């Protein structure tokens, strides 16, 4: 197994263990070709994509996450990006802004710690609605 593959597998395993506190059935998903449904199974209604790369490619990863959400038929999605030297709870999690109740005209994403993202994902609907104000 290549070094980058090992790094990805280790990151996926760490995130799955973390998510199992809320979703005991969470597990790494087997590769599924061009109709990928995300890296984690067992989190109902959520497509989870995990990245552990030296260079950020957020726009590409966000598009990939949305494709996986569609492939999985999930209502929500999250992109998790490993942060070196930080515990899993503090890894970056990106959610589309609408998922946290922010109304925007564009397809914007919000960055937060994975722990905060889990709290949003466990809520049936956003606890409040924020609206952006145009200058």
N, C-alpha and C. Protein backbone atom coordinates (compact mmCIF):
# COMPACT_ATOMS: atom_id res chain seq x y z
N UNK A 1 0.86 -1.17 0.00
CA UNK A 1 0.00 0.00 0.00
C UNK A 1 0.90 1.24 0.00
N UNK A 2 0.57 2.23 -0.85
CA UNK A 2 1.38 3.44 -0.95
C UNK A 2 1.26 4.28 0.33
N UNK A 3 2.20 5.18 0.52
CA UNK A 3 2.19 6.03 1.71
C UNK A 3 0.95 6.92 1.74
N UNK A 4 0.55 7.46 0.59
CA UNK A 4 -0.62 8.33 0.57
C UNK A 4 -1.90 7.53 0.86
N UNK A 5 -1.95 6.31 0.37
CA UNK A 5 -3.11 5.44 0.64
C UNK A 5 -3.18 5.11 2.13
N UNK A 6 -2.02 4.84 2.74
CA UNK A 6 -1.98 4.54 4.17
C UNK A 6 -2.44 5.75 4.99
N UNK A 7 -2.02 6.94 4.56
CA UNK A 7 -2.40 8.17 5.25
C UNK A 7 -3.92 8.37 5.16
N UNK A 8 -4.48 8.11 3.98
CA UNK A 8 -5.92 8.24 3.80
C UNK A 8 -6.70 7.23 4.62
N UNK A 9 -6.22 6.00 4.64
CA UNK A 9 -6.87 4.94 5.42
C UNK A 9 -6.84 5.28 6.91
N UNK A 10 -5.69 5.76 7.38
CA UNK A 10 -5.57 6.13 8.80
C UNK A 10 -6.52 7.27 9.15
N UNK A 11 -6.64 8.25 8.27
CA UNK A 11 -7.55 9.38 8.52
C UNK A 11 -9.00 8.90 8.54
N UNK A 12 -9.37 8.05 7.58
CA UNK A 12 -10.73 7.53 7.54
C UNK A 12 -11.06 6.74 8.80
N UNK A 13 -10.12 5.91 9.23
CA UNK A 13 -10.33 5.12 10.45
C UNK A 13 -10.51 6.01 11.67
N UNK A 14 -9.70 7.06 11.77
CA UNK A 14 -9.81 7.99 12.90
C UNK A 14 -11.16 8.70 12.91
N UNK A 15 -11.62 9.15 11.76
CA UNK A 15 -12.91 9.83 11.68
C UNK A 15 -14.05 8.86 12.00
N UNK A 16 -13.98 7.65 11.48
CA UNK A 16 -15.03 6.67 11.77
C UNK A 16 -15.12 6.41 13.27
N UNK A 17 -13.99 6.21 13.92
CA UNK A 17 -14.00 5.97 15.38
C UNK A 17 -14.65 7.16 16.11
N UNK A 18 -14.33 8.36 15.66
CA UNK A 18 -14.91 9.55 16.27
C UNK A 18 -16.43 9.59 16.05
N UNK A 19 -16.86 9.33 14.83
CA UNK A 19 -18.29 9.38 14.50
C UNK A 19 -19.10 8.29 15.21
N UNK A 20 -18.46 7.19 15.56
CA UNK A 20 -19.17 6.10 16.22
C UNK A 20 -19.72 6.48 17.60
N UNK A 21 -19.25 7.59 18.17
CA UNK A 21 -19.82 8.07 19.43
C UNK A 21 -21.28 8.49 19.22
N UNK A 22 -21.61 8.96 18.02
CA UNK A 22 -22.97 9.40 17.70
C UNK A 22 -23.71 8.40 16.82
N UNK A 23 -22.97 7.77 15.93
CA UNK A 23 -23.54 6.79 15.00
C UNK A 23 -22.77 5.47 15.16
N UNK A 24 -23.20 4.60 16.08
CA UNK A 24 -22.45 3.36 16.36
C UNK A 24 -22.23 2.47 15.13
N UNK A 25 -23.09 2.60 14.11
CA UNK A 25 -22.96 1.77 12.91
C UNK A 25 -22.01 2.36 11.86
N UNK A 26 -21.40 3.50 12.16
CA UNK A 26 -20.48 4.12 11.19
C UNK A 26 -19.31 3.17 10.91
N UNK A 27 -18.95 3.08 9.63
CA UNK A 27 -17.82 2.24 9.22
C UNK A 27 -17.26 2.76 7.90
N UNK A 28 -16.01 2.39 7.65
CA UNK A 28 -15.39 2.77 6.38
C UNK A 28 -16.14 2.07 5.26
N UNK A 29 -16.39 2.83 4.21
CA UNK A 29 -17.12 2.29 3.05
C UNK A 29 -16.12 1.70 2.07
N UNK A 30 -16.47 0.58 1.51
CA UNK A 30 -15.63 -0.03 0.47
C UNK A 30 -15.67 0.86 -0.77
N UNK A 31 -14.60 0.89 -1.52
CA UNK A 31 -14.54 1.69 -2.76
C UNK A 31 -15.65 1.22 -3.70
N UNK A 32 -16.29 2.22 -4.35
CA UNK A 32 -17.40 1.84 -5.22
C UNK A 32 -17.29 2.46 -6.61
N UNK A 33 -16.11 2.69 -7.09
CA UNK A 33 -15.91 3.15 -8.46
C UNK A 33 -16.38 4.56 -8.72
N UNK A 34 -16.93 4.78 -9.92
CA UNK A 34 -17.29 6.14 -10.32
C UNK A 34 -18.58 6.64 -9.69
N UNK A 35 -19.29 5.81 -8.97
CA UNK A 35 -20.51 6.22 -8.28
C UNK A 35 -20.27 6.22 -6.76
N UNK A 36 -19.12 6.80 -6.38
CA UNK A 36 -18.71 6.84 -4.98
C UNK A 36 -19.79 7.52 -4.13
N UNK A 37 -20.05 6.95 -2.96
CA UNK A 37 -21.06 7.48 -2.05
C UNK A 37 -20.45 8.07 -0.79
N UNK A 38 -19.13 8.30 -0.83
CA UNK A 38 -18.45 8.85 0.34
C UNK A 38 -17.59 7.80 1.02
N UNK A 39 -16.84 8.23 2.02
CA UNK A 39 -15.88 7.35 2.69
C UNK A 39 -16.45 6.62 3.89
N UNK A 40 -17.62 7.03 4.36
CA UNK A 40 -18.18 6.44 5.58
C UNK A 40 -19.61 6.00 5.32
N UNK A 41 -19.92 4.79 5.73
CA UNK A 41 -21.29 4.27 5.71
C UNK A 41 -21.80 4.26 7.15
N UNK A 42 -23.11 4.18 7.31
CA UNK A 42 -23.68 4.05 8.65
C UNK A 42 -24.00 5.38 9.33
N UNK A 43 -23.92 6.48 8.59
CA UNK A 43 -24.34 7.79 9.10
C UNK A 43 -25.56 8.17 8.25
N UNK A 44 -26.75 7.83 8.71
CA UNK A 44 -27.95 7.99 7.89
C UNK A 44 -28.15 9.41 7.36
N UNK A 45 -28.39 9.48 6.03
CA UNK A 45 -28.69 10.74 5.40
C UNK A 45 -27.53 11.68 5.19
N UNK A 46 -26.29 11.21 5.47
CA UNK A 46 -25.12 12.08 5.37
C UNK A 46 -24.03 11.39 4.56
N UNK A 47 -23.53 12.08 3.53
CA UNK A 47 -22.36 11.61 2.78
C UNK A 47 -21.14 12.25 3.41
N UNK A 48 -20.16 11.42 3.79
CA UNK A 48 -18.95 11.91 4.47
C UNK A 48 -17.75 11.66 3.57
N UNK A 49 -17.04 12.72 3.25
CA UNK A 49 -15.80 12.62 2.46
C UNK A 49 -14.65 13.06 3.36
N UNK A 50 -13.55 12.30 3.33
CA UNK A 50 -12.40 12.57 4.21
C UNK A 50 -11.15 12.73 3.36
N UNK A 51 -10.39 13.78 3.67
CA UNK A 51 -9.15 14.05 2.94
C UNK A 51 -8.01 14.24 3.93
N UNK A 52 -6.84 13.69 3.58
CA UNK A 52 -5.63 13.84 4.38
C UNK A 52 -4.47 14.12 3.44
N UNK A 53 -4.53 15.27 2.79
CA UNK A 53 -3.55 15.61 1.77
C UNK A 53 -2.64 16.75 2.24
N UNK A 54 -1.44 16.78 1.70
CA UNK A 54 -0.49 17.84 2.04
C UNK A 54 -0.93 19.17 1.44
N UNK A 55 -1.56 19.13 0.29
CA UNK A 55 -2.04 20.36 -0.38
C UNK A 55 -3.55 20.38 -0.42
N UNK A 56 -4.10 21.54 -0.12
CA UNK A 56 -5.55 21.69 -0.16
C UNK A 56 -6.04 21.85 -1.59
N UNK A 57 -7.15 21.22 -1.88
CA UNK A 57 -7.83 21.36 -3.17
C UNK A 57 -9.33 21.45 -2.86
N UNK A 58 -9.69 22.47 -2.07
CA UNK A 58 -11.05 22.55 -1.53
C UNK A 58 -12.14 22.56 -2.57
N UNK A 59 -11.99 23.37 -3.60
CA UNK A 59 -13.06 23.45 -4.62
C UNK A 59 -13.31 22.09 -5.25
N UNK A 60 -12.25 21.39 -5.58
CA UNK A 60 -12.36 20.05 -6.17
C UNK A 60 -13.01 19.09 -5.18
N UNK A 61 -12.56 19.12 -3.94
CA UNK A 61 -13.09 18.22 -2.92
C UNK A 61 -14.55 18.53 -2.61
N UNK A 62 -14.93 19.80 -2.63
CA UNK A 62 -16.32 20.16 -2.37
C UNK A 62 -17.22 19.64 -3.48
N UNK A 63 -16.78 19.78 -4.74
CA UNK A 63 -17.57 19.23 -5.86
C UNK A 63 -17.70 17.72 -5.72
N UNK A 64 -16.60 17.07 -5.35
CA UNK A 64 -16.60 15.61 -5.17
C UNK A 64 -17.58 15.22 -4.05
N UNK A 65 -17.59 15.98 -2.98
CA UNK A 65 -18.48 15.69 -1.85
C UNK A 65 -19.94 15.82 -2.27
N UNK A 66 -20.26 16.86 -3.04
CA UNK A 66 -21.63 17.04 -3.53
C UNK A 66 -22.04 15.92 -4.48
N UNK A 67 -21.11 15.47 -5.33
CA UNK A 67 -21.39 14.33 -6.22
C UNK A 67 -21.69 13.08 -5.40
N UNK A 68 -20.90 12.86 -4.35
CA UNK A 68 -21.09 11.68 -3.50
C UNK A 68 -22.42 11.76 -2.74
N UNK A 69 -22.79 12.97 -2.33
CA UNK A 69 -24.08 13.16 -1.67
C UNK A 69 -25.20 12.74 -2.62
N UNK A 70 -25.10 13.18 -3.86
CA UNK A 70 -26.12 12.82 -4.85
C UNK A 70 -26.12 11.32 -5.11
N UNK A 71 -24.94 10.72 -5.28
CA UNK A 71 -24.84 9.27 -5.51
C UNK A 71 -25.44 8.47 -4.36
N UNK A 72 -25.25 8.97 -3.14
CA UNK A 72 -25.75 8.26 -1.96
C UNK A 72 -27.22 8.53 -1.70
N UNK A 73 -27.78 9.53 -2.38
CA UNK A 73 -29.16 9.91 -2.10
C UNK A 73 -29.30 10.51 -0.71
N UNK A 74 -28.22 11.13 -0.23
CA UNK A 74 -28.20 11.70 1.12
C UNK A 74 -28.75 13.12 1.12
N UNK A 75 -29.33 13.52 2.23
CA UNK A 75 -29.86 14.87 2.38
C UNK A 75 -28.77 15.88 2.70
N UNK A 76 -27.70 15.41 3.36
CA UNK A 76 -26.63 16.31 3.78
C UNK A 76 -25.28 15.69 3.48
N UNK A 77 -24.24 16.53 3.59
CA UNK A 77 -22.88 16.04 3.35
C UNK A 77 -21.90 16.84 4.21
N UNK A 78 -20.72 16.26 4.38
CA UNK A 78 -19.64 16.94 5.10
C UNK A 78 -18.32 16.51 4.49
N UNK A 79 -17.44 17.48 4.32
CA UNK A 79 -16.07 17.24 3.87
C UNK A 79 -15.17 17.43 5.08
N UNK A 80 -14.42 16.39 5.45
CA UNK A 80 -13.52 16.45 6.60
C UNK A 80 -12.09 16.47 6.09
N UNK A 81 -11.31 17.44 6.56
CA UNK A 81 -9.92 17.58 6.15
C UNK A 81 -9.02 17.49 7.38
N UNK A 82 -8.10 16.55 7.34
CA UNK A 82 -7.19 16.33 8.47
C UNK A 82 -6.35 17.57 8.72
N UNK A 83 -6.21 17.92 10.00
CA UNK A 83 -5.31 19.00 10.42
C UNK A 83 -4.16 18.36 11.18
N UNK A 84 -2.95 18.50 10.66
CA UNK A 84 -1.80 17.90 11.33
C UNK A 84 -1.67 18.38 12.78
N UNK A 85 -1.30 17.46 13.62
CA UNK A 85 -1.03 17.72 15.04
C UNK A 85 -2.25 18.16 15.85
N UNK A 86 -3.44 17.91 15.31
CA UNK A 86 -4.68 18.23 16.02
C UNK A 86 -5.47 16.95 16.25
N UNK A 87 -6.24 16.89 17.34
CA UNK A 87 -7.11 15.72 17.54
C UNK A 87 -8.24 15.74 16.51
N UNK A 88 -8.82 14.60 16.25
CA UNK A 88 -9.85 14.46 15.23
C UNK A 88 -10.98 15.45 15.44
N UNK A 89 -11.38 15.70 16.66
CA UNK A 89 -12.48 16.62 16.94
C UNK A 89 -12.20 18.02 16.39
N UNK A 90 -10.92 18.36 16.21
CA UNK A 90 -10.53 19.69 15.73
C UNK A 90 -10.13 19.70 14.26
N UNK A 91 -10.32 18.59 13.55
CA UNK A 91 -10.06 18.60 12.11
C UNK A 91 -11.10 19.51 11.46
N UNK A 92 -10.75 20.06 10.30
CA UNK A 92 -11.66 20.96 9.60
C UNK A 92 -12.81 20.17 8.98
N UNK A 93 -14.02 20.69 9.16
CA UNK A 93 -15.20 20.12 8.54
C UNK A 93 -15.86 21.23 7.74
N UNK A 94 -16.20 20.92 6.51
CA UNK A 94 -16.84 21.89 5.62
C UNK A 94 -18.24 21.38 5.30
N UNK A 95 -19.21 22.26 5.51
CA UNK A 95 -20.60 21.94 5.17
C UNK A 95 -21.13 23.03 4.25
N UNK A 96 -21.98 22.65 3.29
CA UNK A 96 -22.62 23.70 2.50
C UNK A 96 -23.37 24.64 3.44
N UNK A 97 -23.30 25.93 3.17
CA UNK A 97 -23.88 26.94 4.07
C UNK A 97 -25.35 26.68 4.39
N UNK A 98 -26.11 26.22 3.41
CA UNK A 98 -27.54 25.99 3.65
C UNK A 98 -27.77 24.94 4.73
N UNK A 99 -26.82 24.02 4.92
CA UNK A 99 -26.99 22.96 5.93
C UNK A 99 -26.92 23.49 7.35
N UNK A 100 -26.32 24.65 7.53
CA UNK A 100 -26.24 25.22 8.88
C UNK A 100 -27.19 26.41 9.01
N UNK A 101 -28.09 26.56 8.03
CA UNK A 101 -29.12 27.58 8.13
C UNK A 101 -28.72 28.94 7.59
N UNK A 102 -27.65 29.01 6.82
CA UNK A 102 -27.24 30.29 6.24
C UNK A 102 -27.77 30.37 4.83
N UNK A 103 -28.60 31.37 4.58
CA UNK A 103 -29.14 31.57 3.24
C UNK A 103 -28.14 32.39 2.44
N UNK A 104 -27.70 31.86 1.33
CA UNK A 104 -26.79 32.59 0.46
C UNK A 104 -27.25 32.41 -0.97
N UNK A 105 -26.82 33.30 -1.80
CA UNK A 105 -27.15 33.21 -3.22
C UNK A 105 -26.23 32.21 -3.91
N UNK A 106 -24.99 32.17 -3.47
CA UNK A 106 -23.99 31.31 -4.10
C UNK A 106 -23.90 29.98 -3.35
N UNK A 107 -23.16 29.09 -3.94
CA UNK A 107 -22.93 27.78 -3.32
C UNK A 107 -21.72 27.89 -2.39
N UNK A 108 -21.94 28.44 -1.21
CA UNK A 108 -20.85 28.67 -0.27
C UNK A 108 -20.79 27.55 0.76
N UNK A 109 -19.59 27.38 1.34
CA UNK A 109 -19.36 26.37 2.36
C UNK A 109 -18.89 27.05 3.63
N UNK A 110 -19.15 26.41 4.77
CA UNK A 110 -18.75 26.92 6.07
C UNK A 110 -17.75 25.95 6.67
N UNK A 111 -16.65 26.50 7.22
CA UNK A 111 -15.63 25.67 7.87
C UNK A 111 -15.81 25.75 9.38
N UNK A 112 -15.70 24.58 10.03
CA UNK A 112 -15.81 24.49 11.49
C UNK A 112 -15.06 23.25 11.95
N UNK A 113 -14.87 23.11 13.23
CA UNK A 113 -14.28 21.88 13.77
C UNK A 113 -15.24 20.72 13.52
N UNK A 114 -14.69 19.52 13.38
CA UNK A 114 -15.53 18.34 13.15
C UNK A 114 -16.55 18.15 14.27
N UNK A 115 -16.18 18.41 15.51
CA UNK A 115 -17.13 18.26 16.61
C UNK A 115 -18.34 19.15 16.42
N UNK A 116 -18.14 20.39 16.01
CA UNK A 116 -19.26 21.31 15.78
C UNK A 116 -20.11 20.81 14.61
N UNK A 117 -19.45 20.32 13.57
CA UNK A 117 -20.19 19.79 12.42
C UNK A 117 -21.07 18.62 12.83
N UNK A 118 -20.57 17.75 13.68
CA UNK A 118 -21.36 16.62 14.16
C UNK A 118 -22.60 17.12 14.88
N UNK A 119 -22.46 18.17 15.66
CA UNK A 119 -23.62 18.71 16.37
C UNK A 119 -24.66 19.22 15.39
N UNK A 120 -24.25 19.86 14.30
CA UNK A 120 -25.19 20.28 13.27
C UNK A 120 -25.83 19.07 12.59
N UNK A 121 -25.01 18.06 12.30
CA UNK A 121 -25.52 16.89 11.57
C UNK A 121 -26.46 16.03 12.41
N UNK A 122 -26.37 16.12 13.72
CA UNK A 122 -27.28 15.35 14.57
C UNK A 122 -28.60 16.07 14.80
N UNK A 123 -28.66 17.36 14.44
CA UNK A 123 -29.92 18.12 14.56
C UNK A 123 -30.79 17.80 13.35
N UNK A 124 -32.08 17.59 13.55
CA UNK A 124 -32.95 17.31 12.41
C UNK A 124 -33.03 18.49 11.44
N UNK A 125 -32.93 19.72 11.97
CA UNK A 125 -32.90 20.91 11.12
C UNK A 125 -32.07 21.96 11.85
N UNK A 126 -31.53 22.93 11.12
CA UNK A 126 -30.71 23.94 11.78
C UNK A 126 -31.46 24.60 12.92
N UNK A 127 -30.80 24.81 14.08
CA UNK A 127 -31.47 25.38 15.24
C UNK A 127 -31.84 26.85 15.05
N UNK A 128 -31.23 27.51 14.10
CA UNK A 128 -31.54 28.89 13.82
C UNK A 128 -31.21 29.18 12.36
N UNK A 129 -31.68 30.29 11.88
CA UNK A 129 -31.45 30.65 10.50
C UNK A 129 -30.72 31.99 10.45
N UNK A 130 -29.57 32.00 9.81
CA UNK A 130 -28.82 33.23 9.63
C UNK A 130 -29.04 33.72 8.20
N UNK A 131 -29.09 35.00 8.03
CA UNK A 131 -29.25 35.55 6.69
C UNK A 131 -28.08 36.48 6.41
N UNK A 132 -27.51 36.37 5.24
CA UNK A 132 -26.41 37.26 4.89
C UNK A 132 -26.99 38.60 4.47
N UNK A 133 -26.27 39.64 4.79
CA UNK A 133 -26.71 40.99 4.47
C UNK A 133 -25.80 41.53 3.38
N UNK A 134 -26.40 42.06 2.33
CA UNK A 134 -25.63 42.65 1.25
C UNK A 134 -25.20 44.05 1.66
N UNK A 135 -23.97 44.46 1.28
CA UNK A 135 -23.51 45.81 1.65
C UNK A 135 -24.26 46.88 0.87
